[in-house]
């Protein structure tokens, strides 16, 4: 009876023993998985020009990378927006049930002896003019929760997106002597003309047009700026310590003095 060699790890399919690899070379000769490439900030300018209120470039500053150089996670930003909008939602829809509809306190007719179906109130849901069953109620809670770290990270991602899309403008300072709308409009006009004529700042096909609206970030509360901006369409003001995802995404551009950058860094990069 001929013996049959069973196939195993050391035996090839044709019955010949498999080749042995030299000790210590197998792991080195195998193709290793290439390392994941680090995030390269294509189009992100971590060095921005600083303008004065006349629209002239005065210097260039380097933005903190941990705030303005993050990779954007659209799912996280969407979650932060939904959470903030749900917390601000006021439920107006409310249908009255049988206990809230006016009337119906008296039994329409006696229980027995009339030949009709028994009823206890004319405001029953099966009656015309009665209460509503399973209708919308103002007691419903629409709030969606999000962790603090996720909320902060989403905010920094939106700021990084503004820099990446060339939608952030930095001023050396922003002050008004009087709360006049024409003074603020003049500053916006100066910046618009300067940025429109600048060929090096905007990316090709991404022309800066401040008439589309901007969010002015203040390093400290200034009533003159708030009152001067109030009558300009598509422009609004906010404090550097009160930034949120919804307000940042509601405006096309971001306009801030360079002093606000340090406040943002101290407040949100924790």
C-alpha atoms as a PDB file:
ATOM      1  CA  UNK A   1       0.000   0.000   0.000  1.00  0.00           C
ATOM      2  CA  UNK A   2       1.588   3.274  -1.096  1.00  0.00           C
ATOM      3  CA  UNK A   3       1.856   6.007   1.418  1.00  0.00           C
ATOM      4  CA  UNK A   4       0.351   9.372   0.552  1.00  0.00           C
ATOM      5  CA  UNK A   5       1.905  12.509   1.939  1.00  0.00           C
ATOM      6  CA  UNK A   6      -0.810  14.794   3.277  1.00  0.00           C
ATOM      7  CA  UNK A   7      -0.766  18.363   2.078  1.00  0.00           C
ATOM      8  CA  UNK A   8       0.296  20.819   4.695  1.00  0.00           C
ATOM      9  CA  UNK A   9       1.926  24.204   4.944  1.00  0.00           C
ATOM     10  CA  UNK A  10       5.320  22.754   4.100  1.00  0.00           C
ATOM     11  CA  UNK A  11       4.083  20.776   1.042  1.00  0.00           C
ATOM     12  CA  UNK A  12       3.309  22.378  -2.308  1.00  0.00           C
ATOM     13  CA  UNK A  13       0.350  21.409  -4.499  1.00  0.00           C
ATOM     14  CA  UNK A  14       2.554  19.279  -6.764  1.00  0.00           C
ATOM     15  CA  UNK A  15       3.915  17.239  -3.873  1.00  0.00           C
ATOM     16  CA  UNK A  16       7.267  19.008  -3.755  1.00  0.00           C
ATOM     17  CA  UNK A  17       8.295  20.677  -0.515  1.00  0.00           C
ATOM     18  CA  UNK A  18       7.856  24.404  -0.484  1.00  0.00           C
ATOM     19  CA  UNK A  19      10.817  26.732  -0.483  1.00  0.00           C
ATOM     20  CA  UNK A  20      11.871  27.950   2.912  1.00  0.00           C
ATOM     21  CA  UNK A  21      12.599  31.607   3.324  1.00  0.00           C
ATOM     22  CA  UNK A  22      15.772  32.538   5.157  1.00  0.00           C
ATOM     23  CA  UNK A  23      15.196  33.368   8.774  1.00  0.00           C
ATOM     24  CA  UNK A  24      14.787  37.051   9.442  1.00  0.00           C
ATOM     25  CA  UNK A  25      14.068  38.033   5.819  1.00  0.00           C
ATOM     26  CA  UNK A  26      10.398  37.142   5.518  1.00  0.00           C
ATOM     27  CA  UNK A  27       9.058  40.127   7.398  1.00  0.00           C
ATOM     28  CA  UNK A  28      11.460  42.476   5.651  1.00  0.00           C
ATOM     29  CA  UNK A  29      10.785  41.243   2.131  1.00  0.00           C
ATOM     30  CA  UNK A  30       7.007  41.518   2.501  1.00  0.00           C
ATOM     31  CA  UNK A  31       5.562  44.715   1.170  1.00  0.00           C
ATOM     32  CA  UNK A  32       4.776  46.997   4.052  1.00  0.00           C
ATOM     33  CA  UNK A  33       1.685  49.130   4.168  1.00  0.00           C
ATOM     34  CA  UNK A  34       2.642  52.671   3.179  1.00  0.00           C
ATOM     35  CA  UNK A  35       2.250  55.196   6.003  1.00  0.00           C
ATOM     36  CA  UNK A  36      -0.826  57.379   5.891  1.00  0.00           C
ATOM     37  CA  UNK A  37       0.052  60.721   4.374  1.00  0.00           C
ATOM     38  CA  UNK A  38      -0.111  63.636   6.722  1.00  0.00           C
ATOM     39  CA  UNK A  39      -2.711  66.296   6.001  1.00  0.00           C
ATOM     40  CA  UNK A  40      -1.279  68.816   3.598  1.00  0.00           C
ATOM     41  CA  UNK A  41      -3.045  72.121   3.675  1.00  0.00           C
ATOM     42  CA  UNK A  42      -3.551  72.714  -0.006  1.00  0.00           C
ATOM     43  CA  UNK A  43      -4.695  76.278  -0.595  1.00  0.00           C
ATOM     44  CA  UNK A  44      -4.582  77.111   3.128  1.00  0.00           C
ATOM     45  CA  UNK A  45      -2.652  80.304   3.714  1.00  0.00           C
ATOM     46  CA  UNK A  46      -1.420  80.347   7.273  1.00  0.00           C
ATOM     47  CA  UNK A  47       0.212  83.673   6.471  1.00  0.00           C
ATOM     48  CA  UNK A  48      -2.291  86.439   5.793  1.00  0.00           C
ATOM     49  CA  UNK A  49      -1.941  90.091   4.885  1.00  0.00           C
ATOM     50  CA  UNK A  50      -3.056  92.682   7.408  1.00  0.00           C
ATOM     51  CA  UNK A  51      -4.817  95.807   6.136  1.00  0.00           C
ATOM     52  CA  UNK A  52      -5.596  99.118   7.740  1.00  0.00           C
ATOM     53  CA  UNK A  53      -8.932 100.892   7.551  1.00  0.00           C
ATOM     54  CA  UNK A  54      -7.852 102.695   4.369  1.00  0.00           C
ATOM     55  CA  UNK A  55      -7.373  99.355   2.621  1.00  0.00           C
ATOM     56  CA  UNK A  56      -3.556  99.446   2.537  1.00  0.00           C
ATOM     57  CA  UNK A  57      -1.492  96.394   3.414  1.00  0.00           C
ATOM     58  CA  UNK A  58       0.648  97.105   6.472  1.00  0.00           C
ATOM     59  CA  UNK A  59       2.103  93.704   7.413  1.00  0.00           C
ATOM     60  CA  UNK A  60       1.729  89.955   7.255  1.00  0.00           C
ATOM     61  CA  UNK A  61       0.990  87.677  10.202  1.00  0.00           C
ATOM     62  CA  UNK A  62       1.182  83.932  10.686  1.00  0.00           C
ATOM     63  CA  UNK A  63      -2.012  82.320  11.882  1.00  0.00           C
ATOM     64  CA  UNK A  64      -1.959  79.629  14.581  1.00  0.00           C
ATOM     65  CA  UNK A  65      -2.086  76.258  12.881  1.00  0.00           C
ATOM     66  CA  UNK A  66      -4.083  74.561  15.645  1.00  0.00           C
ATOM     67  CA  UNK A  67      -7.009  76.913  14.906  1.00  0.00           C
ATOM     68  CA  UNK A  68      -6.830  77.850  11.220  1.00  0.00           C
ATOM     69  CA  UNK A  69      -5.068  74.810   9.769  1.00  0.00           C
ATOM     70  CA  UNK A  70      -7.368  71.910  10.616  1.00  0.00           C
ATOM     71  CA  UNK A  71      -8.783  69.342   8.244  1.00  0.00           C
ATOM     72  CA  UNK A  72     -12.521  69.845   7.819  1.00  0.00           C
ATOM     73  CA  UNK A  73     -14.948  67.118   8.839  1.00  0.00           C
ATOM     74  CA  UNK A  74     -18.263  68.041   7.232  1.00  0.00           C
ATOM     75  CA  UNK A  75     -20.193  65.485   9.265  1.00  0.00           C
ATOM     76  CA  UNK A  76     -19.018  67.005  12.537  1.00  0.00           C
ATOM     77  CA  UNK A  77     -19.810  70.535  11.369  1.00  0.00           C
ATOM     78  CA  UNK A  78     -23.303  69.427  10.305  1.00  0.00           C
ATOM     79  CA  UNK A  79     -23.861  67.830  13.713  1.00  0.00           C
ATOM     80  CA  UNK A  80     -22.823  71.031  15.494  1.00  0.00           C
ATOM     81  CA  UNK A  81     -25.134  73.147  13.323  1.00  0.00           C
ATOM     82  CA  UNK A  82     -28.103  70.854  13.941  1.00  0.00           C
ATOM     83  CA  UNK A  83     -27.457  70.849  17.689  1.00  0.00           C
ATOM     84  CA  UNK A  84     -27.286  74.642  17.893  1.00  0.00           C
ATOM     85  CA  UNK A  85     -30.378  75.189  15.748  1.00  0.00           C
ATOM     86  CA  UNK A  86     -32.367  72.601  17.681  1.00  0.00           C
ATOM     87  CA  UNK A  87     -31.579  74.347  20.961  1.00  0.00           C
ATOM     88  CA  UNK A  88     -32.855  77.630  19.533  1.00  0.00           C
ATOM     89  CA  UNK A  89     -36.032  76.074  18.137  1.00  0.00           C
ATOM     90  CA  UNK A  90     -39.325  77.226  19.657  1.00  0.00           C
ATOM     91  CA  UNK A  91     -42.191  74.765  19.038  1.00  0.00           C
ATOM     92  CA  UNK A  92     -45.175  76.858  17.936  1.00  0.00           C
ATOM     93  CA  UNK A  93     -47.356  74.051  16.545  1.00  0.00           C
ATOM     94  CA  UNK A  94     -49.861  73.017  19.196  1.00  0.00           C
ATOM     95  CA  UNK A  95     -53.207  71.270  18.741  1.00  0.00           C
ATOM     96  CA  UNK A  96     -55.771  71.355  21.556  1.00  0.00           C
ATOM     97  CA  UNK A  97     -56.981  68.087  22.982  1.00  0.00           C
ATOM     98  CA  UNK A  98     -60.439  67.517  24.483  1.00  0.00           C
ATOM     99  CA  UNK A  99     -59.416  69.014  27.825  1.00  0.00           C
ATOM    100  CA  UNK A 100     -58.272  72.312  26.230  1.00  0.00           C
ATOM    101  CA  UNK A 101     -61.177  72.958  23.836  1.00  0.00           C
ATOM    102  CA  UNK A 102     -63.761  75.397  25.166  1.00  0.00           C
ATOM    103  CA  UNK A 103     -67.094  73.857  26.204  1.00  0.00           C
ATOM    104  CA  UNK A 104     -68.161  70.254  26.559  1.00  0.00           C
ATOM    105  CA  UNK A 105     -68.587  70.274  30.315  1.00  0.00           C
ATOM    106  CA  UNK A 106     -72.148  68.960  30.263  1.00  0.00           C
ATOM    107  CA  UNK A 107     -73.167  65.488  29.167  1.00  0.00           C
ATOM    108  CA  UNK A 108     -75.108  65.933  25.888  1.00  0.00           C
ATOM    109  CA  UNK A 109     -77.888  63.499  26.877  1.00  0.00           C
ATOM    110  CA  UNK A 110     -78.507  60.846  29.426  1.00  0.00           C
ATOM    111  CA  UNK A 111     -76.679  57.562  29.274  1.00  0.00           C
ATOM    112  CA  UNK A 112     -79.658  55.265  28.541  1.00  0.00           C
ATOM    113  CA  UNK A 113     -83.140  55.378  27.129  1.00  0.00           C
ATOM    114  CA  UNK A 114     -82.644  57.708  24.143  1.00  0.00           C
ATOM    115  CA  UNK A 115     -81.673  55.144  21.520  1.00  0.00           C
ATOM    116  CA  UNK A 116     -78.533  57.130  20.680  1.00  0.00           C
ATOM    117  CA  UNK A 117     -74.937  56.233  21.243  1.00  0.00           C
ATOM    118  CA  UNK A 118     -73.631  57.158  24.648  1.00  0.00           C
ATOM    119  CA  UNK A 119     -71.477  60.313  24.907  1.00  0.00           C
ATOM    120  CA  UNK A 120     -70.007  62.240  27.780  1.00  0.00           C
ATOM    121  CA  UNK A 121     -68.871  65.446  26.046  1.00  0.00           C
ATOM    122  CA  UNK A 122     -69.465  67.293  22.790  1.00  0.00           C
ATOM    123  CA  UNK A 123     -65.713  68.026  22.677  1.00  0.00           C
ATOM    124  CA  UNK A 124     -64.755  64.386  22.213  1.00  0.00           C
ATOM    125  CA  UNK A 125     -62.293  63.788  19.330  1.00  0.00           C
ATOM    126  CA  UNK A 126     -65.003  62.003  17.336  1.00  0.00           C
ATOM    127  CA  UNK A 127     -67.217  65.099  17.389  1.00  0.00           C
ATOM    128  CA  UNK A 128     -67.032  68.016  14.981  1.00  0.00           C
ATOM    129  CA  UNK A 129     -65.328  70.874  16.822  1.00  0.00           C
ATOM    130  CA  UNK A 130     -63.875  68.507  19.384  1.00  0.00           C
ATOM    131  CA  UNK A 131     -60.305  67.998  20.482  1.00  0.00           C
ATOM    132  CA  UNK A 132     -57.492  66.640  18.310  1.00  0.00           C
ATOM    133  CA  UNK A 133     -55.926  63.272  19.005  1.00  0.00           C
ATOM    134  CA  UNK A 134     -52.166  62.792  18.493  1.00  0.00           C
ATOM    135  CA  UNK A 135     -51.722  66.332  17.166  1.00  0.00           C
ATOM    136  CA  UNK A 136     -48.549  68.445  17.464  1.00  0.00           C
ATOM    137  CA  UNK A 137     -47.755  69.545  21.008  1.00  0.00           C
ATOM    138  CA  UNK A 138     -45.607  72.444  22.180  1.00  0.00           C
ATOM    139  CA  UNK A 139     -44.239  70.311  25.005  1.00  0.00           C
ATOM    140  CA  UNK A 140     -42.172  68.275  22.531  1.00  0.00           C
ATOM    141  CA  UNK A 141     -38.430  68.554  23.062  1.00  0.00           C
ATOM    142  CA  UNK A 142     -36.373  68.950  19.861  1.00  0.00           C
ATOM    143  CA  UNK A 143     -33.015  69.555  21.574  1.00  0.00           C
ATOM    144  CA  UNK A 144     -30.029  67.624  20.230  1.00  0.00           C
ATOM    145  CA  UNK A 145     -26.956  67.381  22.434  1.00  0.00           C
ATOM    146  CA  UNK A 146     -23.313  67.554  21.403  1.00  0.00           C
ATOM    147  CA  UNK A 147     -20.138  67.203  23.423  1.00  0.00           C
ATOM    148  CA  UNK A 148     -18.126  70.297  24.310  1.00  0.00           C
ATOM    149  CA  UNK A 149     -14.986  69.086  22.576  1.00  0.00           C
ATOM    150  CA  UNK A 150     -16.912  68.220  19.404  1.00  0.00           C
ATOM    151  CA  UNK A 151     -18.582  71.630  19.406  1.00  0.00           C
ATOM    152  CA  UNK A 152     -15.258  73.401  19.849  1.00  0.00           C
ATOM    153  CA  UNK A 153     -13.598  71.299  17.154  1.00  0.00           C
ATOM    154  CA  UNK A 154     -16.400  72.040  14.685  1.00  0.00           C
ATOM    155  CA  UNK A 155     -15.974  75.772  15.334  1.00  0.00           C
ATOM    156  CA  UNK A 156     -12.240  75.596  14.634  1.00  0.00           C
ATOM    157  CA  UNK A 157     -12.907  73.612  11.456  1.00  0.00           C
ATOM    158  CA  UNK A 158     -15.220  76.346  10.175  1.00  0.00           C
ATOM    159  CA  UNK A 159     -12.538  78.952  10.895  1.00  0.00           C
ATOM    160  CA  UNK A 160     -10.029  76.803   9.010  1.00  0.00           C
ATOM    161  CA  UNK A 161     -12.459  76.588   6.104  1.00  0.00           C
ATOM    162  CA  UNK A 162     -12.746  80.378   5.981  1.00  0.00           C
ATOM    163  CA  UNK A 163      -8.978  80.683   5.662  1.00  0.00           C
ATOM    164  CA  UNK A 164      -8.778  77.885   3.103  1.00  0.00           C
ATOM    165  CA  UNK A 165     -11.458  79.493   0.925  1.00  0.00           C
ATOM    166  CA  UNK A 166      -9.798  82.924   1.248  1.00  0.00           C
ATOM    167  CA  UNK A 167     -12.828  84.328   3.065  1.00  0.00           C
ATOM    168  CA  UNK A 168     -11.049  85.826   6.085  1.00  0.00           C
ATOM    169  CA  UNK A 169      -9.811  89.435   6.180  1.00  0.00           C
ATOM    170  CA  UNK A 170      -7.597  90.737   8.978  1.00  0.00           C
ATOM    171  CA  UNK A 171      -7.284  94.392   9.982  1.00  0.00           C
ATOM    172  CA  UNK A 172      -4.604  95.964  12.116  1.00  0.00           C
ATOM    173  CA  UNK A 173      -7.310  97.722  14.130  1.00  0.00           C
ATOM    174  CA  UNK A 174     -10.981  98.595  13.838  1.00  0.00           C
ATOM    175  CA  UNK A 175     -12.168 101.770  15.553  1.00  0.00           C
ATOM    176  CA  UNK A 176     -14.732 104.434  14.788  1.00  0.00           C
ATOM    177  CA  UNK A 177     -14.860 107.886  16.313  1.00  0.00           C
ATOM    178  CA  UNK A 178     -18.634 108.111  15.870  1.00  0.00           C
ATOM    179  CA  UNK A 179     -21.384 105.514  15.393  1.00  0.00           C
ATOM    180  CA  UNK A 180     -21.953 106.533  11.779  1.00  0.00           C
ATOM    181  CA  UNK A 181     -22.995 104.050   9.100  1.00  0.00           C
ATOM    182  CA  UNK A 182     -21.151 106.007   6.401  1.00  0.00           C
ATOM    183  CA  UNK A 183     -17.850 105.573   8.271  1.00  0.00           C
ATOM    184  CA  UNK A 184     -18.216 101.794   8.357  1.00  0.00           C
ATOM    185  CA  UNK A 185     -19.406 101.753   4.744  1.00  0.00           C
ATOM    186  CA  UNK A 186     -16.281 103.681   3.754  1.00  0.00           C
ATOM    187  CA  UNK A 187     -14.023 101.094   5.427  1.00  0.00           C
ATOM    188  CA  UNK A 188     -15.849  98.280   3.620  1.00  0.00           C
ATOM    189  CA  UNK A 189     -15.530 100.132   0.318  1.00  0.00           C
ATOM    190  CA  UNK A 190     -11.787 100.667   0.817  1.00  0.00           C
ATOM    191  CA  UNK A 191     -11.241  96.988   1.553  1.00  0.00           C
ATOM    192  CA  UNK A 192     -13.397  95.927  -1.399  1.00  0.00           C
ATOM    193  CA  UNK A 193     -11.430  98.071  -3.840  1.00  0.00           C
ATOM    194  CA  UNK A 194      -8.093  96.928  -2.437  1.00  0.00           C
ATOM    195  CA  UNK A 195      -8.923  93.225  -2.476  1.00  0.00           C
ATOM    196  CA  UNK A 196     -10.510  93.419  -5.917  1.00  0.00           C
ATOM    197  CA  UNK A 197      -7.355  94.953  -7.380  1.00  0.00           C
ATOM    198  CA  UNK A 198      -5.046  92.533  -5.568  1.00  0.00           C
ATOM    199  CA  UNK A 199      -4.006  89.786  -7.940  1.00  0.00           C
ATOM    200  CA  UNK A 200      -1.882  87.865  -5.471  1.00  0.00           C
ATOM    201  CA  UNK A 201      -4.258  87.505  -2.570  1.00  0.00           C
ATOM    202  CA  UNK A 202      -7.350  85.757  -3.997  1.00  0.00           C
ATOM    203  CA  UNK A 203      -7.032  82.365  -5.588  1.00  0.00           C
ATOM    204  CA  UNK A 204      -7.962  82.127  -9.286  1.00  0.00           C
ATOM    205  CA  UNK A 205     -11.717  82.133  -9.649  1.00  0.00           C
ATOM    206  CA  UNK A 206     -12.214  83.143  -6.009  1.00  0.00           C
ATOM    207  CA  UNK A 207     -12.598  86.897  -6.138  1.00  0.00           C
ATOM    208  CA  UNK A 208     -13.356  88.587  -2.821  1.00  0.00           C
ATOM    209  CA  UNK A 209     -16.601  90.555  -2.911  1.00  0.00           C
ATOM    210  CA  UNK A 210     -17.512  92.052   0.446  1.00  0.00           C
ATOM    211  CA  UNK A 211     -20.925  93.129  -0.823  1.00  0.00           C
ATOM    212  CA  UNK A 212     -22.005  89.505  -0.297  1.00  0.00           C
ATOM    213  CA  UNK A 213     -21.877  90.126   3.445  1.00  0.00           C
ATOM    214  CA  UNK A 214     -19.453  89.633   6.291  1.00  0.00           C
ATOM    215  CA  UNK A 215     -19.363  88.883   9.989  1.00  0.00           C
ATOM    216  CA  UNK A 216     -17.320  91.460  11.907  1.00  0.00           C
ATOM    217  CA  UNK A 217     -15.574  89.895  14.899  1.00  0.00           C
ATOM    218  CA  UNK A 218     -14.772  92.369  17.672  1.00  0.00           C
ATOM    219  CA  UNK A 219     -11.996  91.821  20.186  1.00  0.00           C
ATOM    220  CA  UNK A 220     -13.958  93.934  22.702  1.00  0.00           C
ATOM    221  CA  UNK A 221     -17.477  95.311  22.746  1.00  0.00           C
ATOM    222  CA  UNK A 222     -17.668  98.592  20.822  1.00  0.00           C
ATOM    223  CA  UNK A 223     -21.039 100.313  20.594  1.00  0.00           C
ATOM    224  CA  UNK A 224     -19.848 102.556  17.775  1.00  0.00           C
ATOM    225  CA  UNK A 225     -19.086  99.573  15.555  1.00  0.00           C
ATOM    226  CA  UNK A 226     -22.303  97.791  16.498  1.00  0.00           C
ATOM    227  CA  UNK A 227     -24.502 100.789  15.752  1.00  0.00           C
ATOM    228  CA  UNK A 228     -22.596 101.708  12.584  1.00  0.00           C
ATOM    229  CA  UNK A 229     -22.949  98.189  11.172  1.00  0.00           C
ATOM    230  CA  UNK A 230     -26.600  97.737  12.093  1.00  0.00           C
ATOM    231  CA  UNK A 231     -28.005  99.418   8.965  1.00  0.00           C
ATOM    232  CA  UNK A 232     -25.641  97.772   6.455  1.00  0.00           C
ATOM    233  CA  UNK A 233     -27.345  94.824   4.713  1.00  0.00           C
ATOM    234  CA  UNK A 234     -25.751  91.379   5.109  1.00  0.00           C
ATOM    235  CA  UNK A 235     -23.315  92.640   7.765  1.00  0.00           C
ATOM    236  CA  UNK A 236     -23.425  91.749  11.443  1.00  0.00           C
ATOM    237  CA  UNK A 237     -21.170  91.936  14.489  1.00  0.00           C
ATOM    238  CA  UNK A 238     -20.163  89.422  17.129  1.00  0.00           C
ATOM    239  CA  UNK A 239     -17.668  89.209  19.972  1.00  0.00           C
ATOM    240  CA  UNK A 240     -14.567  87.048  19.632  1.00  0.00           C
ATOM    241  CA  UNK A 241     -15.598  85.076  22.729  1.00  0.00           C
ATOM    242  CA  UNK A 242     -19.115  84.448  21.365  1.00  0.00           C
ATOM    243  CA  UNK A 243     -18.284  82.755  18.075  1.00  0.00           C
ATOM    244  CA  UNK A 244     -20.516  79.906  16.980  1.00  0.00           C
ATOM    245  CA  UNK A 245     -20.854  77.673  13.945  1.00  0.00           C
ATOM    246  CA  UNK A 246     -24.220  78.991  12.724  1.00  0.00           C
ATOM    247  CA  UNK A 247     -23.192  82.667  12.669  1.00  0.00           C
ATOM    248  CA  UNK A 248     -19.902  81.864  10.948  1.00  0.00           C
ATOM    249  CA  UNK A 249     -21.634  79.888   8.198  1.00  0.00           C
ATOM    250  CA  UNK A 250     -24.404  82.470   7.783  1.00  0.00           C
ATOM    251  CA  UNK A 251     -21.994  85.089   6.415  1.00  0.00           C
ATOM    252  CA  UNK A 252     -19.740  84.773   3.403  1.00  0.00           C
ATOM    253  CA  UNK A 253     -16.677  86.564   4.767  1.00  0.00           C
ATOM    254  CA  UNK A 254     -15.037  87.037   8.150  1.00  0.00           C
ATOM    255  CA  UNK A 255     -13.646  90.440   9.067  1.00  0.00           C
ATOM    256  CA  UNK A 256     -11.663  90.858  12.278  1.00  0.00           C
ATOM    257  CA  UNK A 257      -8.832  92.883  13.817  1.00  0.00           C
ATOM    258  CA  UNK A 258      -5.637  90.971  14.503  1.00  0.00           C
ATOM    259  CA  UNK A 259      -6.205  91.380  18.251  1.00  0.00           C
ATOM    260  CA  UNK A 260      -9.227  89.093  17.992  1.00  0.00           C
ATOM    261  CA  UNK A 261      -7.042  86.196  16.812  1.00  0.00           C
ATOM    262  CA  UNK A 262      -5.255  85.966  20.167  1.00  0.00           C
ATOM    263  CA  UNK A 263      -8.598  86.078  22.006  1.00  0.00           C
ATOM    264  CA  UNK A 264      -9.919  83.231  19.838  1.00  0.00           C
ATOM    265  CA  UNK A 265      -6.755  81.261  20.529  1.00  0.00           C
ATOM    266  CA  UNK A 266      -7.009  81.702  24.303  1.00  0.00           C
ATOM    267  CA  UNK A 267     -10.738  80.957  24.344  1.00  0.00           C
ATOM    268  CA  UNK A 268     -11.125  77.946  22.081  1.00  0.00           C
ATOM    269  CA  UNK A 269      -7.766  76.186  21.765  1.00  0.00           C
ATOM    270  CA  UNK A 270      -7.910  74.195  25.016  1.00  0.00           C
END
